Structure formats: structure tokens, C-alpha cells
Protein backbone atom coordinates (compact mmCIF):
# COMPACT_ATOMS: atom_id res chain seq x y z
CA MET A 1 79.24 100.19 92.08
CA THR A 2 78.77 99.99 95.85
CA VAL A 3 81.82 99.61 98.02
CA ASP A 4 81.48 98.68 101.68
CA ASP A 5 85.08 98.14 102.80
CA LYS A 6 86.78 101.44 103.51
CA SER A 7 90.42 102.04 104.20
CA THR A 8 91.86 102.00 107.66
CA ALA A 9 94.69 104.12 108.96
CA PRO A 10 98.05 102.51 108.14
CA GLY A 11 99.93 100.93 110.98
CA TRP A 12 103.62 100.34 111.60
CA ASP A 13 103.79 96.70 110.58
CA GLY A 14 105.69 94.99 107.77
CA HIS A 15 108.73 96.22 105.86
CA LEU A 16 108.56 100.00 106.17
CA LEU A 17 110.51 102.78 104.47
CA LEU A 18 110.96 105.97 106.51
CA LEU A 19 111.90 109.21 104.72
CA PRO A 20 112.07 111.85 107.47
CA ALA A 21 112.83 115.46 106.63
CA SER A 22 114.71 116.10 109.89
CA ALA A 23 116.38 114.39 112.82
CA SER A 24 113.43 115.24 115.06
CA GLU A 25 111.01 113.56 112.66
CA ARG A 26 113.24 110.49 112.47
CA GLU A 27 113.43 110.26 116.25
CA ALA A 28 109.68 110.69 116.71
CA ALA A 29 108.87 108.03 114.12
CA LEU A 30 111.45 105.61 115.52
CA ALA A 31 110.14 106.12 119.06
CA ALA A 32 106.53 105.53 117.97
CA TRP A 33 107.47 102.38 116.09
CA ALA A 34 109.54 100.99 118.98
CA ARG A 35 106.95 101.95 121.60
CA ASP A 36 104.25 100.11 119.66
CA GLY A 37 106.33 96.95 119.69
CA LEU A 38 107.33 97.20 123.35
CA GLU A 39 103.73 97.77 124.43
CA ARG A 40 102.73 94.63 122.49
CA ASP A 41 105.46 92.67 124.28
CA GLU A 42 107.37 92.25 121.02
CA GLN A 43 111.15 92.20 121.08
CA VAL A 44 112.76 95.26 119.49
CA ILE A 45 116.24 94.51 118.09
CA TYR A 46 118.24 97.54 117.00
CA ALA A 47 121.64 97.61 115.27
CA GLN A 48 123.36 100.67 116.71
CA ASP A 49 126.85 102.04 116.23
CA GLY A 50 127.97 103.40 119.57
CA ALA A 51 130.35 105.81 117.83
CA ALA A 52 127.72 107.20 115.44
CA ASP A 53 126.64 110.83 115.58
CA GLY A 54 123.18 111.70 116.86
CA ALA A 55 121.04 110.46 119.72
CA SER A 56 121.15 106.77 120.57
CA LEU A 57 118.00 104.69 120.51
CA VAL A 58 118.02 104.50 124.31
CA THR A 59 118.23 108.30 124.55
CA ILE A 60 115.39 108.71 122.05
CA LEU A 61 113.16 106.22 123.84
CA GLU A 62 113.91 107.65 127.29
CA ALA A 63 113.03 111.13 126.00
CA ASN A 64 109.67 109.69 124.95
CA GLY A 65 108.92 108.27 128.38
CA ILE A 66 109.95 104.67 127.73
CA ASP A 67 111.70 102.77 130.54
CA THR A 68 114.53 101.24 128.51
CA ALA A 69 116.24 99.70 131.54
CA ALA A 70 113.15 97.63 132.29
CA ALA A 71 112.66 96.78 128.61
CA ARG A 72 116.25 95.54 128.30
CA ALA A 73 116.08 93.60 131.57
CA GLU A 74 112.90 91.89 130.38
CA GLY A 75 114.44 91.09 127.00
CA ARG A 76 111.98 93.27 125.07
CA LEU A 77 114.76 95.61 123.89
CA ARG A 78 118.07 94.35 122.52
CA LEU A 79 120.90 96.42 121.06
CA ILE A 80 123.45 94.84 118.72
CA GLU A 81 126.46 96.08 116.76
CA PRO A 82 125.80 96.98 113.08
CA VAL A 83 128.55 94.62 111.95
CA ASP A 84 126.50 91.74 113.38
CA ALA A 85 123.57 92.59 111.09
CA VAL A 86 124.93 93.34 107.63
CA ALA A 87 126.58 90.07 106.56
CA PRO A 88 124.42 87.88 104.28
CA GLY A 89 121.98 85.87 106.39
CA SER A 90 122.83 87.69 109.61
CA TRP A 91 119.37 89.11 110.28
CA ALA A 92 117.75 85.75 109.53
CA ALA A 93 120.03 84.08 112.08
CA ILE A 94 119.34 86.78 114.68
CA VAL A 95 115.59 86.53 114.13
CA ASP A 96 115.50 82.74 114.21
CA GLU A 97 117.54 82.68 117.43
CA ALA A 98 115.11 85.10 119.08
CA LEU A 99 112.08 83.12 117.93
CA ALA A 100 113.66 79.87 119.12
CA GLY A 101 114.20 81.56 122.49
CA GLY A 102 110.48 82.06 122.94
CA ARG A 103 109.80 85.43 121.31
CA SER A 104 106.55 85.46 119.35
CA ARG A 105 107.03 88.68 117.37
CA LEU A 106 110.01 90.90 116.58
CA ARG A 107 110.77 94.41 115.36
CA ILE A 108 114.18 95.14 113.84
CA SER A 109 115.83 98.33 112.71
CA GLY A 110 119.16 100.10 112.93
CA ASP A 111 121.32 103.14 112.31
CA ARG A 112 121.68 104.21 108.70
CA ASP A 113 125.22 102.86 108.40
CA GLY A 114 124.10 99.51 109.76
CA LEU A 115 120.71 98.42 108.53
CA THR A 116 120.29 100.70 105.51
CA ALA A 117 123.82 101.18 104.22
CA THR A 118 123.90 102.86 100.80
CA THR A 119 126.20 100.33 99.16
CA LYS A 120 125.86 97.66 96.49
CA ALA A 121 124.90 95.29 99.29
CA ALA A 122 121.85 97.41 100.16
CA ALA A 123 119.59 95.77 97.56
CA ARG A 124 120.55 92.31 98.81
CA LEU A 125 119.98 93.35 102.41
CA GLU A 126 116.61 94.91 101.64
CA GLN A 127 115.49 91.74 99.87
CA GLU A 128 116.54 89.64 102.85
CA LEU A 129 114.54 91.91 105.16
CA GLU A 130 111.52 91.73 102.88
CA ASP A 131 111.76 87.92 102.90
CA LEU A 132 111.88 87.95 106.71
CA CYS A 133 108.72 90.06 106.88
CA ARG A 134 106.97 87.63 104.55
CA THR A 135 108.08 84.43 106.27
CA ARG A 136 108.49 85.35 109.95
CA PRO A 137 106.50 87.43 112.48
CA VAL A 138 108.81 90.40 111.91
CA SER A 139 108.41 94.12 111.27
CA VAL A 140 111.34 96.08 109.82
CA LEU A 141 111.85 99.84 109.82
CA CYS A 142 114.39 101.16 107.27
CA ARG A 143 115.41 104.82 107.43
CA TYR A 144 116.75 107.09 104.72
CA THR A 145 117.22 110.84 104.71
CA GLY A 146 115.23 111.26 101.50
CA PRO A 147 114.82 110.00 97.94
CA SER A 148 118.34 111.04 96.88
CA ASP A 149 119.82 109.14 99.83
CA ALA A 150 117.94 105.90 99.28
CA GLY A 151 120.87 103.97 97.87
CA GLY A 152 119.39 103.51 94.40
CA PRO A 153 116.46 104.49 92.21
CA LEU A 154 113.45 105.33 94.35
CA ASP A 155 111.21 102.94 92.42
CA GLN A 156 113.43 100.02 93.45
CA VAL A 157 113.53 101.18 97.06
CA ALA A 158 109.75 101.64 97.20
CA ALA A 159 109.15 98.22 95.64
CA ALA A 160 111.37 96.62 98.29
CA HIS A 161 109.18 97.94 101.13
CA ALA A 162 105.82 96.27 100.86
CA GLY A 163 104.83 97.50 104.31
CA GLY A 164 104.74 101.06 103.06
CA LEU A 165 106.45 104.41 103.19
CA ARG A 166 106.47 107.16 105.83
CA GLU A 167 107.29 110.72 104.83
CA ARG A 168 106.65 114.08 106.49
CA GLN A 169 103.26 114.62 104.81
CA LEU A 170 102.46 111.25 103.23
CA GLN A 171 102.07 107.70 104.48
CA THR A 172 101.41 104.69 102.30
CA THR A 173 100.46 101.13 103.08
CA MET A 174 100.54 98.42 100.43
CA GLN A 175 98.59 95.19 100.35
CA PRO A 176 98.14 92.91 97.34
CA GLY A 177 96.07 94.92 94.89
CA ARG A 178 95.54 97.76 97.33
CA LEU A 179 97.34 101.00 98.17
CA MET A 180 96.23 103.14 101.10
CA LEU A 181 97.33 106.78 101.21
CA THR A 182 97.20 109.10 104.21
CA GLY A 183 98.13 112.79 104.34
CA GLU A 184 98.85 115.30 101.58
CA VAL A 185 100.40 115.04 98.13
CA ASP A 186 102.06 118.21 96.88
CA LEU A 187 105.24 119.43 95.20
CA ALA A 188 107.38 118.23 98.10
CA ASN A 189 106.47 114.56 97.72
CA GLU A 190 104.96 114.10 94.24
CA ALA A 191 108.08 112.22 93.13
CA ILE A 192 107.55 109.67 95.91
CA LEU A 193 104.00 108.79 94.88
CA ALA A 194 104.79 107.52 91.37
CA PRO A 195 107.18 104.67 92.31
CA VAL A 196 104.87 103.60 95.14
CA LEU A 197 101.97 103.39 92.68
CA MET A 198 104.06 101.39 90.21
CA ALA A 199 105.14 98.97 92.92
CA ALA A 200 101.55 98.55 94.11
CA ALA A 201 100.32 97.94 90.54
CA VAL A 202 102.94 95.24 89.98
CA ALA A 203 101.94 93.55 93.23
CA GLY A 204 98.26 93.45 92.24
CA ASP A 205 96.42 91.01 90.01
CA GLY A 206 94.94 93.24 87.32
CA LEU A 207 93.07 95.46 89.81
CA LEU A 208 94.64 98.25 91.86
CA ARG A 209 92.50 99.85 94.56
CA VAL A 210 93.86 103.22 95.73
CA ASP A 211 92.18 104.33 98.97
CA LEU A 212 92.05 108.14 99.15
CA GLU A 213 89.73 108.65 102.10
CA GLN A 214 92.55 109.85 104.35
CA VAL A 215 94.09 112.18 101.72
CA SER A 216 93.29 115.83 102.46
CA PHE A 217 95.07 117.40 99.47
CA LEU A 218 96.12 116.19 96.03
CA SER A 219 98.16 118.48 93.78
CA VAL A 220 98.12 118.66 89.99
CA GLY A 221 101.47 116.86 90.04
CA GLY A 222 99.96 114.17 92.25
CA CYS A 223 97.17 113.67 89.73
CA ARG A 224 99.78 113.44 86.98
CA ALA A 225 101.65 110.82 89.00
CA LEU A 226 98.45 108.78 89.31
CA ALA A 227 97.97 108.89 85.55
CA VAL A 228 101.55 108.30 84.42
CA ALA A 229 102.54 105.71 87.03
CA THR A 230 99.56 103.50 86.18
CA SER A 231 99.60 104.04 82.40
CA ARG A 232 101.49 100.86 81.54
CA PHE A 233 99.46 98.82 84.03
CA ARG A 234 96.23 100.10 82.45
CA ALA A 235 97.51 99.66 78.89
CA GLU A 236 98.06 95.98 79.69
CA GLY A 237 94.46 95.62 80.84
CA GLY A 238 94.81 96.58 84.50
CA TRP A 239 92.03 98.51 86.21
CA VAL A 240 92.48 101.32 88.76
CA GLU A 241 89.84 102.21 91.35
CA LEU A 242 90.27 105.55 93.15
CA ARG A 243 88.19 105.00 96.27
CA HIS A 244 86.45 107.32 98.72
CA PRO A 245 88.17 110.64 97.84
CA GLN A 246 87.30 113.64 99.95
CA PHE A 247 85.45 116.40 98.10
CA ILE A 248 88.52 118.55 97.46
CA VAL A 249 90.51 115.54 96.24
CA GLU A 250 87.68 114.38 93.99
CA GLN A 251 87.55 117.87 92.49
CA ALA A 252 91.26 117.69 91.70
CA LEU A 253 90.83 114.25 90.11
CA ARG A 254 87.95 115.35 87.89
CA MET A 255 89.48 118.72 86.96
CA SER A 256 92.66 116.94 85.87
CA GLY A 257 90.64 114.45 83.82
CA ILE A 258 91.83 111.38 85.72
CA ASP A 259 88.29 110.02 85.83
CA THR A 260 88.11 110.06 82.02
CA LEU A 261 91.20 107.89 81.49
CA ALA A 262 90.80 104.35 80.26
CA ASN A 263 90.41 101.75 83.03
CA VAL A 264 90.09 104.32 85.81
CA GLU A 265 87.04 104.68 88.06
CA VAL A 266 86.36 107.02 90.96
CA ILE A 267 84.30 105.15 93.55
CA GLY A 268 82.49 106.12 96.74
CA SER A 269 82.98 109.88 96.95
CA HIS A 270 83.55 110.98 100.55
CA PRO A 271 82.10 114.35 101.69
């Protein structure tokens, strides 16, 4: 089979899940995401608790060379209290008000205790944010410290973030029937890959394309995750294409026997 469309590097659009390993990683990712929006003349709305520990968004952006005073004066950066964002329907009202005021695209995020509170309301909030990303010109960045701090089973959290996941070594981007991976899969993040694969399989229509061109390392555990996480999908007739793996990744796939599994095909080897 000949495949012409190759994967592209994942961007920072959609409903994104960030799993940083440290405060510095969180700040760098948040700054990059906000800068991208500000440079595109999108409005960045951030729910921030002034009494919270850690650097404020303004401090983080200023440290990364962003003129926050100008951004706020021009209406491209808006800070709100977390309490204004967590009640049912609050984000939808905030977003619709901004769009009615002339904004064409928005980016929203917040401190952990605001936007991504680990409470029973978290699932409801995440679903509301996902609905906003699907129905409005909105990108959402949700931050957690790691899988154990995600407010529920990781498979549910991953499924709620169709835009993808950002971790120290691994980035994922999901589209209907397609999962793009960038980085490395090893012991530190093998557990993250499985729920992402399951969520991507559910979102597809009998065919799951996994783009591996940007993956530089795939561990034995990562291969196992590929096999186990897609087993039910394949047993029900689904087909998995592992596309454009680099030589070292293709070796790992073939040595683990992934290419011999039912309804799995390795396509377009990449040197």
C-alpha cells in the first residue's frame, strides 16, 4: 500500500492535556501556548488565583519576553478569578461574551485549583470544555501534575482531551481515526500511551492510523501498549495502521511481533 499523506508536528490547538514533570516544564509549556495565541491575535483568558503558590501567568509570560501590559491593554490577555470559571456553564458564558465582543478566536486555561480541579465536578467541567472546543473557535489547555493527579482514571482523562496530550517526552495529537505521536515512549510514559490509543480507537470509524514518523524510541512496554490497547478494537473488526516508523522503531515493532497481529499493518517505513 502506498501512503502519501505523512504526519505533521502536533500543534497547540484543541482541548489539550498537559502532564509536566516539573514546575519549569509547566511554565515553559504554558508560555509557549499563550505566546502562540497572542501572536495570532487570539484572546487568552486565564483563571488565576492571586493567592495561589507559584509564579503567576503574568510573571511567566514576562520571563519569556512577552509584553503582558500591552497584551492586557489591547484585550488580548484577560485574567479572571477561578470562581468565575468553575460553575456549570461559566466558561461557555465567558467565551460567548468574548466572541460577541468581536474576538474571533480564544484560548482558555487556568490554575490547577480553578480550571482542572480534582473533584467530582472535574468530569463535568472537562466535558463542557471539550464541547466548547468542538462548537466554538476555542483552544483549552488543562494542566495536571501527572497521571495520579488527573482527577480520575487516566483513560477517562485522555478521552476527554481530543486535542492531545503533552508530557515531558511524548506528545500526542488526535484526529478522527488518526493518532500522531511525537517523542519517545519508554518506562516513564508507557502507562500514558495505552489510554490515548484506546480513546483514539473509539473516536475512529473502524480504522486507526497511528503516525510514528516523529517517534525516535519505542520501548518493549510501548509495543505492548500498542498491542493490548487496540486488542478489543481489532477483535471487533477494527484495523490499525502503524505509519512511517523510523528504522529503530520499526525494528522494535517487528521484534515484538506487533506486525504479525491480526488487523495490524506497518506502512511506509521511514529511514
